[in-house]
Protein backbone atom coordinates (compact mmCIF):
# COMPACT_ATOMS: atom_id res chain seq x y z
CA MET A 1 0.00 0.00 0.00
CA LEU A 2 2.83 2.40 0.79
CA ALA A 3 4.41 1.65 -2.59
CA LEU A 4 1.11 2.57 -4.30
CA ARG A 5 0.83 5.81 -2.30
CA LEU A 6 4.37 6.78 -3.30
CA ALA A 7 3.59 5.99 -6.94
CA ARG A 8 0.68 8.48 -6.94
CA GLY A 9 2.99 11.37 -6.09
CA THR A 10 5.94 10.55 -8.32
CA HIS A 11 7.18 12.49 -11.34
CA PRO A 12 5.54 11.60 -14.71
CA LEU A 13 8.93 10.50 -16.10
CA VAL A 14 9.27 7.98 -13.26
CA LEU A 15 5.77 6.68 -13.95
CA LEU A 16 6.66 6.38 -17.64
CA ARG A 17 9.65 4.21 -16.80
CA ARG A 18 7.45 1.99 -14.63
CA LEU A 19 4.92 1.70 -17.46
CA LEU A 20 7.73 0.69 -19.80
CA VAL A 21 8.66 -2.05 -17.34
CA ALA A 22 5.02 -3.18 -17.32
CA ALA A 23 4.92 -3.15 -21.13
CA ALA A 24 8.09 -5.24 -21.36
CA SER A 25 6.65 -7.63 -18.77
CA ALA A 26 3.51 -7.96 -20.86
CA GLY A 27 5.58 -8.87 -23.91
CA VAL A 28 7.55 -11.50 -22.01
CA GLY A 29 4.37 -12.91 -20.47
CA PHE A 30 2.78 -13.20 -23.92
CA LEU A 31 5.84 -15.07 -25.22
CA LEU A 32 5.69 -17.47 -22.28
CA LEU A 33 1.98 -18.10 -22.82
CA CYS A 34 2.55 -18.69 -26.54
CA THR A 35 5.21 -21.23 -25.60
CA LEU A 36 2.71 -22.91 -23.29
CA GLY A 37 0.15 -23.00 -26.07
CA HIS A 38 2.68 -24.60 -28.39
CA ALA A 39 3.51 -27.15 -25.72
CA VAL A 40 -0.18 -28.04 -25.37
CA ALA A 41 -0.47 -28.64 -29.12
CA HIS A 42 3.00 -30.22 -29.55
CA PRO A 43 4.00 -31.84 -26.25
CA GLY A 44 7.49 -32.85 -27.38
CA GLY A 45 8.91 -29.76 -29.06
CA SER A 46 8.64 -26.70 -26.82
CA VAL A 47 11.59 -26.97 -24.46
CA LEU A 48 13.86 -25.03 -26.81
CA ARG A 49 11.21 -22.33 -27.25
CA LEU A 50 11.05 -21.91 -23.48
CA VAL A 51 14.85 -21.59 -23.36
CA TRP A 52 14.77 -18.84 -25.95
CA CYS A 53 12.20 -16.99 -23.81
CA ALA A 54 14.86 -16.69 -21.09
CA VAL A 55 16.72 -14.08 -23.16
CA PRO A 56 13.92 -11.43 -23.25
CA LEU A 57 13.08 -12.35 -19.65
CA ALA A 58 16.66 -11.58 -18.57
CA ALA A 59 16.65 -8.32 -20.54
CA THR A 60 13.39 -7.26 -18.87
CA VAL A 61 14.72 -8.08 -15.41
CA HIS A 62 17.85 -6.04 -16.14
CA PHE A 63 15.70 -3.09 -17.19
CA ALA A 64 13.45 -3.41 -14.14
CA VAL A 65 16.47 -3.31 -11.82
CA ALA A 66 17.81 -0.22 -13.59
CA VAL A 67 14.46 1.52 -13.18
CA ALA A 68 14.36 0.58 -9.49
CA ARG A 69 17.83 2.09 -9.02
CA THR A 70 16.71 5.46 -10.40
CA ASP A 71 13.40 5.58 -8.55
CA PRO A 72 13.55 8.72 -6.35
CA SER A 73 10.98 7.36 -3.91
CA THR A 74 13.39 4.66 -2.77
CA ARG A 75 16.40 6.89 -2.09
CA PRO A 76 17.34 7.51 1.55
CA ARG A 77 16.43 11.02 2.67
CA PRO A 78 16.84 12.84 5.98
CA GLY A 79 13.99 12.20 8.39
CA LEU A 80 12.69 8.97 6.82
CA SER A 81 14.47 6.73 9.30
CA ALA A 82 12.68 8.50 12.13
CA VAL A 83 9.31 7.35 10.78
CA GLY A 84 10.47 3.79 10.16
CA LEU A 85 11.59 4.15 6.53
CA GLY A 86 15.21 3.15 6.82
CA PRO A 87 17.36 1.68 4.03
CA GLY A 88 15.93 -1.80 4.55
CA ARG A 89 12.32 -0.64 4.30
CA LEU A 90 13.09 1.46 1.21
CA THR A 91 14.64 -1.59 -0.43
CA ALA A 92 11.46 -3.54 0.30
CA ILE A 93 9.40 -0.74 -1.25
CA ALA A 94 11.57 -0.82 -4.39
CA ALA A 95 11.10 -4.59 -4.66
CA ALA A 96 7.34 -4.22 -4.12
CA SER A 97 7.07 -1.49 -6.77
CA THR A 98 8.95 -3.67 -9.24
CA ALA A 99 6.68 -6.62 -8.47
CA VAL A 100 3.56 -4.48 -8.96
CA ALA A 101 4.72 -3.20 -12.36
CA CYS A 102 5.68 -6.67 -13.57
CA THR A 103 2.46 -8.21 -12.27
CA LEU A 104 0.45 -5.57 -14.10
CA GLY A 105 2.23 -6.45 -17.32
CA SER A 106 1.72 -10.18 -16.80
CA THR A 107 -1.99 -9.62 -16.18
CA VAL A 108 -2.31 -7.66 -19.41
CA ALA A 109 -0.47 -10.44 -21.25
CA LEU A 110 -2.90 -13.04 -19.93
CA LEU A 111 -5.93 -10.98 -20.94
CA VAL A 112 -4.57 -10.34 -24.45
CA TYR A 113 -3.67 -13.99 -24.87
CA LEU A 114 -7.12 -15.18 -23.81
CA HIS A 115 -8.72 -12.58 -26.06
CA LEU A 116 -6.72 -13.66 -29.12
CA ARG A 117 -7.59 -17.28 -28.36
CA GLY A 118 -11.27 -16.41 -28.32
CA ASP A 119 -11.80 -17.20 -24.64
CA ILE A 120 -12.74 -13.56 -23.96
CA THR A 121 -15.30 -12.15 -26.37
CA GLY A 122 -17.01 -8.83 -26.95
CA LEU A 123 -13.94 -6.93 -28.22
CA PRO A 124 -12.34 -6.50 -31.65
CA PHE A 125 -10.07 -9.30 -32.91
CA ASP A 126 -11.88 -12.02 -30.94
CA GLY A 127 -10.07 -15.27 -31.67
CA ALA A 128 -7.85 -13.64 -34.30
CA ALA A 129 -4.99 -16.03 -33.49
CA ALA A 130 -7.01 -19.08 -32.45
CA GLY A 131 -5.08 -21.43 -34.71
CA LEU A 132 -1.67 -20.19 -33.63
CA LEU A 133 -2.53 -20.26 -29.91
CA ALA A 134 -4.11 -23.74 -29.88
CA ALA A 135 -7.60 -22.52 -29.03
CA ASP A 136 -9.01 -26.00 -29.66
CA ARG A 137 -7.27 -27.30 -26.55
CA PRO A 138 -7.90 -26.23 -22.94
CA LEU A 139 -5.33 -23.92 -21.39
CA PRO A 140 -3.76 -25.32 -18.18
CA LEU A 141 -4.43 -22.44 -15.83
CA ALA A 142 -1.97 -23.55 -13.15
CA ALA A 143 0.87 -23.76 -15.66
CA ALA A 144 -0.05 -20.36 -17.11
CA LEU A 145 -0.06 -18.67 -13.71
CA THR A 146 3.22 -20.35 -12.81
CA LEU A 147 4.91 -19.05 -15.96
CA LEU A 148 3.48 -15.57 -15.46
CA SER A 149 4.76 -15.44 -11.89
CA VAL A 150 8.39 -16.09 -12.90
CA LEU A 151 9.09 -12.55 -14.09
CA PRO A 152 7.56 -10.61 -11.14
CA LEU A 153 9.31 -12.85 -8.61
CA THR A 154 12.66 -12.72 -10.41
CA ALA A 155 12.56 -8.97 -11.02
CA SER A 156 11.53 -8.10 -7.45
CA ALA A 157 14.20 -10.41 -6.00
CA ALA A 158 16.85 -8.91 -8.30
CA ALA A 159 15.81 -5.36 -7.39
CA GLY A 160 15.92 -6.14 -3.68
CA LEU A 161 19.33 -7.76 -4.05
CA ALA A 162 20.75 -4.86 -6.06
CA LEU A 163 19.42 -2.19 -3.67
CA ARG A 164 20.08 -3.98 -0.39
CA PRO A 165 21.79 -1.85 2.29
CA ARG A 166 25.55 -2.24 2.40
CA LYS A 167 27.87 -1.37 5.25
CA GLU A 168 30.49 1.11 4.11
CA GLN A 169 33.74 1.59 5.96
CA PRO A 170 34.29 5.26 6.85
CA ARG A 171 37.27 6.73 5.02
CA PRO A 172 38.80 10.19 5.19
CA ARG A 173 37.70 12.39 2.34
CA PRO A 174 40.71 13.56 0.32
CA THR A 175 40.86 17.12 -0.92
CA GLY A 176 42.88 18.99 -3.47
CA ALA A 177 45.99 17.26 -4.80
CA GLU A 178 45.46 14.31 -2.41
CA ARG A 179 42.24 13.19 -4.20
CA PRO A 180 43.05 9.66 -5.79
CA PRO A 181 42.02 8.84 -9.42
CA ALA A 182 39.15 6.41 -10.18
CA SER A 183 40.19 2.78 -9.80
CA VAL A 184 40.45 0.68 -12.93
CA PRO A 185 37.65 -1.95 -13.28
CA ALA A 186 39.18 -5.41 -13.19
CA GLY A 187 36.76 -7.24 -15.50
CA LEU A 188 38.61 -7.03 -18.81
CA PRO A 189 40.50 -10.37 -18.60
CA TRP A 190 37.37 -12.21 -17.45
CA GLY A 191 35.33 -10.55 -20.19
CA ILE A 192 37.79 -11.59 -22.89
CA THR A 193 37.80 -15.12 -21.49
CA LEU A 194 34.00 -15.34 -21.59
CA ILE A 195 33.85 -13.93 -25.11
CA THR A 196 36.42 -16.45 -26.30
CA ALA A 197 34.58 -19.30 -24.59
CA GLY A 198 31.29 -18.19 -26.15
CA LEU A 199 32.73 -18.07 -29.66
CA ALA A 200 34.38 -21.46 -29.16
CA MET A 201 31.12 -23.00 -27.92
CA GLU A 202 29.26 -21.58 -30.88
CA THR A 203 31.86 -23.02 -33.27
CA PHE A 204 31.53 -26.43 -31.61
CA ALA A 205 27.71 -26.24 -31.72
CA SER A 206 27.78 -25.39 -35.44
CA ARG A 207 28.93 -28.97 -36.13
CA GLY A 208 25.46 -29.93 -34.95
CA THR A 209 23.48 -33.09 -34.47
CA PRO A 210 20.95 -34.57 -36.91
CA GLY A 211 17.34 -33.63 -36.41
CA SER A 212 17.84 -30.12 -35.07
CA ALA A 213 14.64 -28.31 -34.16
CA ILE A 214 15.72 -25.03 -35.72
CA PRO A 215 18.34 -25.68 -38.43
CA MET A 216 20.79 -22.88 -39.20
CA PRO A 217 21.40 -21.67 -42.78
CA GLY A 218 24.50 -23.34 -44.21
CA HIS A 219 24.56 -25.81 -41.30
CA PRO A 220 21.21 -27.65 -41.26
CA ASP A 221 22.40 -30.01 -38.50
CA SER A 222 23.63 -27.28 -36.14
CA SER A 223 22.44 -27.16 -32.53
CA PRO A 224 20.47 -23.97 -31.76
CA ALA A 225 20.73 -24.62 -28.01
CA GLY A 226 24.52 -24.64 -28.24
CA VAL A 227 24.50 -21.52 -30.39
CA LEU A 228 22.26 -19.80 -27.84
CA ALA A 229 24.61 -20.79 -25.02
CA GLY A 230 27.55 -19.40 -26.99
CA TRP A 231 25.77 -16.11 -27.61
CA VAL A 232 24.85 -15.86 -23.92
CA LEU A 233 28.49 -16.35 -22.91
CA THR A 234 29.59 -13.75 -25.46
CA ALA A 235 27.00 -11.27 -24.18
CA LEU A 236 28.07 -11.91 -20.60
CA GLY A 237 31.68 -11.33 -21.58
CA LEU A 238 30.86 -8.00 -23.20
CA ALA A 239 28.89 -6.95 -20.10
CA VAL A 240 31.81 -7.89 -17.84
CA ALA A 241 34.37 -6.13 -20.05
CA GLY A 242 32.19 -3.04 -20.61
CA PRO A 243 33.31 -1.06 -17.51
CA ALA A 244 37.01 -1.65 -18.25
CA LEU A 245 36.56 -0.61 -21.89
CA THR A 246 34.67 2.51 -20.82
CA HIS A 247 37.47 3.36 -18.38
CA LEU A 248 39.96 2.86 -21.23
CA CYS A 249 37.99 5.33 -23.36
CA GLY A 250 38.28 7.92 -20.62
CA ARG A 251 42.02 7.37 -20.29
CA LEU A 252 42.59 7.62 -24.03
CA LEU A 253 40.66 10.89 -24.18
CA GLN A 254 43.14 12.42 -21.74
CA THR A 255 46.28 11.50 -23.65
CA ALA A 256 48.42 13.82 -25.80
CA ARG A 257 48.03 17.15 -23.96
CA PRO A 258 44.22 17.31 -23.60
CA GLY A 259 42.24 20.51 -23.43
CA ALA A 260 39.51 21.30 -20.95
CA ALA A 261 36.76 19.49 -22.87
CA ARG A 262 38.79 16.31 -23.38
CA LEU A 263 40.02 16.33 -19.82
CA LEU A 264 36.50 16.71 -18.43
CA ALA A 265 35.09 14.05 -20.77
CA GLY A 266 37.82 11.58 -19.87
CA ARG A 267 37.43 12.10 -16.14
CA VAL A 268 33.66 11.62 -16.35
CA LEU A 269 34.05 8.36 -18.28
CA MET A 270 36.58 7.07 -15.77
CA GLU A 271 34.36 7.96 -12.81
CA GLU A 272 31.17 6.54 -14.38
CA ALA A 273 32.76 3.49 -16.01
CA ARG A 274 31.10 1.00 -13.66
CA ARG A 275 27.71 2.68 -13.87
CA ILE A 276 27.36 2.88 -17.66
CA GLY A 277 29.91 0.30 -18.81
CA ARG A 278 27.86 -2.78 -18.03
CA PRO A 279 24.63 -1.73 -19.81
CA LEU A 280 26.75 -0.43 -22.69
CA GLY A 281 28.36 -3.85 -22.98
CA VAL A 282 24.92 -5.46 -23.02
CA VAL A 283 23.79 -3.13 -25.83
CA CYS A 284 26.91 -4.05 -27.80
CA ALA A 285 26.12 -7.73 -27.25
CA VAL A 286 22.58 -7.24 -28.55
CA ALA A 287 23.87 -5.26 -31.54
CA SER A 288 26.45 -7.92 -32.39
CA ALA A 289 23.80 -10.65 -32.14
CA THR A 290 21.52 -8.61 -34.42
CA ILE A 291 24.28 -8.16 -37.00
CA ALA A 292 25.16 -11.86 -36.81
CA ALA A 293 21.51 -12.88 -37.19
CA ALA A 294 21.08 -10.54 -40.17
CA THR A 295 24.17 -12.06 -41.79
CA LEU A 296 23.01 -15.57 -40.99
CA TYR A 297 19.42 -15.25 -42.17
CA GLY A 298 19.83 -12.49 -44.73
CA ASP A 299 19.77 -14.32 -48.03
CA GLU A 300 19.60 -17.93 -46.86
CA ALA A 301 16.53 -17.94 -44.64
CA GLY A 302 14.87 -20.59 -46.82
CA PRO A 303 12.02 -22.29 -44.98
CA HIS A 304 12.87 -20.64 -41.64
CA PRO A 305 12.03 -16.93 -41.87
CA PHE A 306 11.56 -14.74 -38.85
CA GLY A 307 8.06 -15.03 -37.42
CA PRO A 308 6.01 -12.53 -35.39
CA LEU A 309 6.97 -14.07 -32.05
CA THR A 310 10.65 -13.96 -32.99
CA GLY A 311 10.23 -10.31 -33.91
CA LEU A 312 8.51 -9.63 -30.59
CA GLY A 313 11.34 -11.29 -28.68
CA ALA A 314 13.99 -9.39 -30.61
CA ALA A 315 12.15 -6.11 -30.06
CA LEU A 316 11.91 -6.81 -26.33
CA VAL A 317 15.62 -7.59 -25.99
CA THR A 318 16.68 -4.58 -28.05
CA GLY A 319 14.25 -2.15 -26.44
CA CYS A 320 15.03 -3.23 -22.88
CA SER A 321 18.79 -3.07 -23.48
CA VAL A 322 18.65 0.42 -24.97
CA ALA A 323 16.23 1.61 -22.28
CA THR A 324 18.55 0.24 -19.58
CA LEU A 325 21.49 2.14 -21.07
CA LEU A 326 19.49 5.37 -21.22
CA THR A 327 18.36 4.87 -17.64
CA ALA A 328 21.95 4.33 -16.52
CA ALA A 329 23.02 7.47 -18.39
CA LEU A 330 20.27 9.43 -16.65
CA GLU A 331 21.38 8.05 -13.29
CA SER A 332 24.95 9.07 -14.09
CA LYS A 333 23.81 12.58 -14.97
CA HIS A 334 21.96 12.92 -11.67
CA ALA A 335 24.94 11.55 -9.75
CA ARG A 336 27.25 14.27 -11.05
CA GLY A 337 24.64 17.02 -10.74
CA GLU A 338 26.47 18.73 -7.88
CA THR A 339 29.73 18.72 -9.85
CA THR A 340 28.02 20.22 -12.88
CA ALA A 341 26.41 22.92 -10.76
CA ALA A 342 29.78 23.72 -9.18
CA LEU A 343 31.41 24.08 -12.62
CA LEU A 344 28.66 26.45 -13.73
CA ARG A 345 29.07 28.52 -10.56
CA LEU A 346 32.80 28.78 -11.25
CA GLY A 347 32.10 30.22 -14.69
CA ALA A 348 32.44 27.17 -16.95
CA PRO A 349 30.46 27.82 -20.15
CA ALA A 350 27.60 25.53 -21.03
CA LYS A 351 29.27 25.01 -24.41
CA LEU A 352 32.12 23.23 -22.63
CA LEU A 353 29.73 20.77 -21.00
CA ARG A 354 28.03 20.05 -24.32
CA ALA A 355 31.39 19.52 -26.01
CA SER A 356 32.40 17.15 -23.24
CA ALA A 357 29.21 15.11 -23.68
CA ALA A 358 29.77 14.92 -27.45
CA LEU A 359 33.37 13.77 -26.93
CA ARG A 360 32.22 11.03 -24.54
CA ALA A 361 29.69 9.73 -27.04
CA ALA A 362 32.21 9.84 -29.91
CA ALA A 363 34.90 8.05 -27.91
CA LEU A 364 32.53 5.27 -26.83
CA LEU A 365 31.27 4.83 -30.39
CA ALA A 366 34.83 4.75 -31.76
CA LEU A 367 35.83 1.94 -29.39
CA PHE A 368 32.67 -0.12 -28.97
CA GLY A 369 31.64 0.09 -32.64
CA PRO A 370 34.55 -1.93 -34.08
CA VAL A 371 34.40 -4.35 -31.12
CA THR A 372 30.71 -4.98 -31.79
CA TRP A 373 31.23 -5.47 -35.50
CA GLY A 374 34.20 -7.78 -35.02
CA ILE A 375 32.39 -10.03 -32.54
CA ALA A 376 29.35 -10.16 -34.83
CA GLU A 377 31.49 -11.30 -37.76
CA LEU A 378 33.24 -13.91 -35.63
CA ALA A 379 29.90 -15.15 -34.29
CA ALA A 380 28.42 -15.56 -37.78
CA LEU A 381 31.53 -17.07 -39.36
CA PRO A 382 31.22 -20.68 -38.11
CA LEU A 383 27.53 -20.79 -39.09
CA THR A 384 27.92 -19.41 -42.59
CA GLY A 385 31.31 -20.82 -43.55
């Protein structure tokens, strides 16, 4: 109830982000219900479809956690502890808000699914997809509710885990020349290892086994489950290496006698590497998978073109990844708000801040663009060669 009362007084932009989480949850819920309908009609061939649904589910959970991080109603403020709203209670409110948004989306997905099956009548498009959704067979309600509960429970647990109170050791605050530089993220070696392992697994899976459920162009006996596992490892590697690569961008911007704009842009990237590097790595992973899929299915799709549910899943993964990156960038902007205000008070022109932002975007694009393209080519090579 407290989470609902706080939602009524929040900023419209915050409500929009929560509605986007609900919309993404509705899309994932619809995919899960379509998988259930396929399992009812074809009992032996839906396990792989359920595995593929884990990718948009993970992207939606990632987005929901990012939205929970930027929710102003769950930030500690002076005086809240006195009325019983300490860090632990605020974390519970964030988890409850995430669960409410995801449950709303799952409910909408169930209603739309039943409507398209023809179980709910009186509205346009009654039973429009009855054949696709196995309307001639009864829907197992317990299984449907179980699948729809996976996303709200996972997202709320992930939000609570990410926002849980942490004990920080008090340290003296350095000033002036004694202030230390931002520490270098240590995930680059692990990220490279995961990327290499993912590409190797995909190459091994491209050898395939006869009777594959979803044959790949050029390799009709390839294993789509192995290819999916390889892509997941590659995406995880890019997410792990993202903060270190972002920190490297900031350091490179400050080389060779930098001016004020380059120096400011580099310092911001180094300070915010952990905050924006991980979602940026995920976006690069999604982009590389999209490029690889376009290369793989471009001219050789044959009897396996992209269907509407595949398009929905791809749109969910892409939209949630980009929305998570934008949310992290907004969080980064709010985190350095005091520094920006101090620079403006000291007389720094607004043009300098805009130039710094443009340099940050250009540097990230210059580094992550070739990395994304190279991984996409390597990912598509064993399946098209």
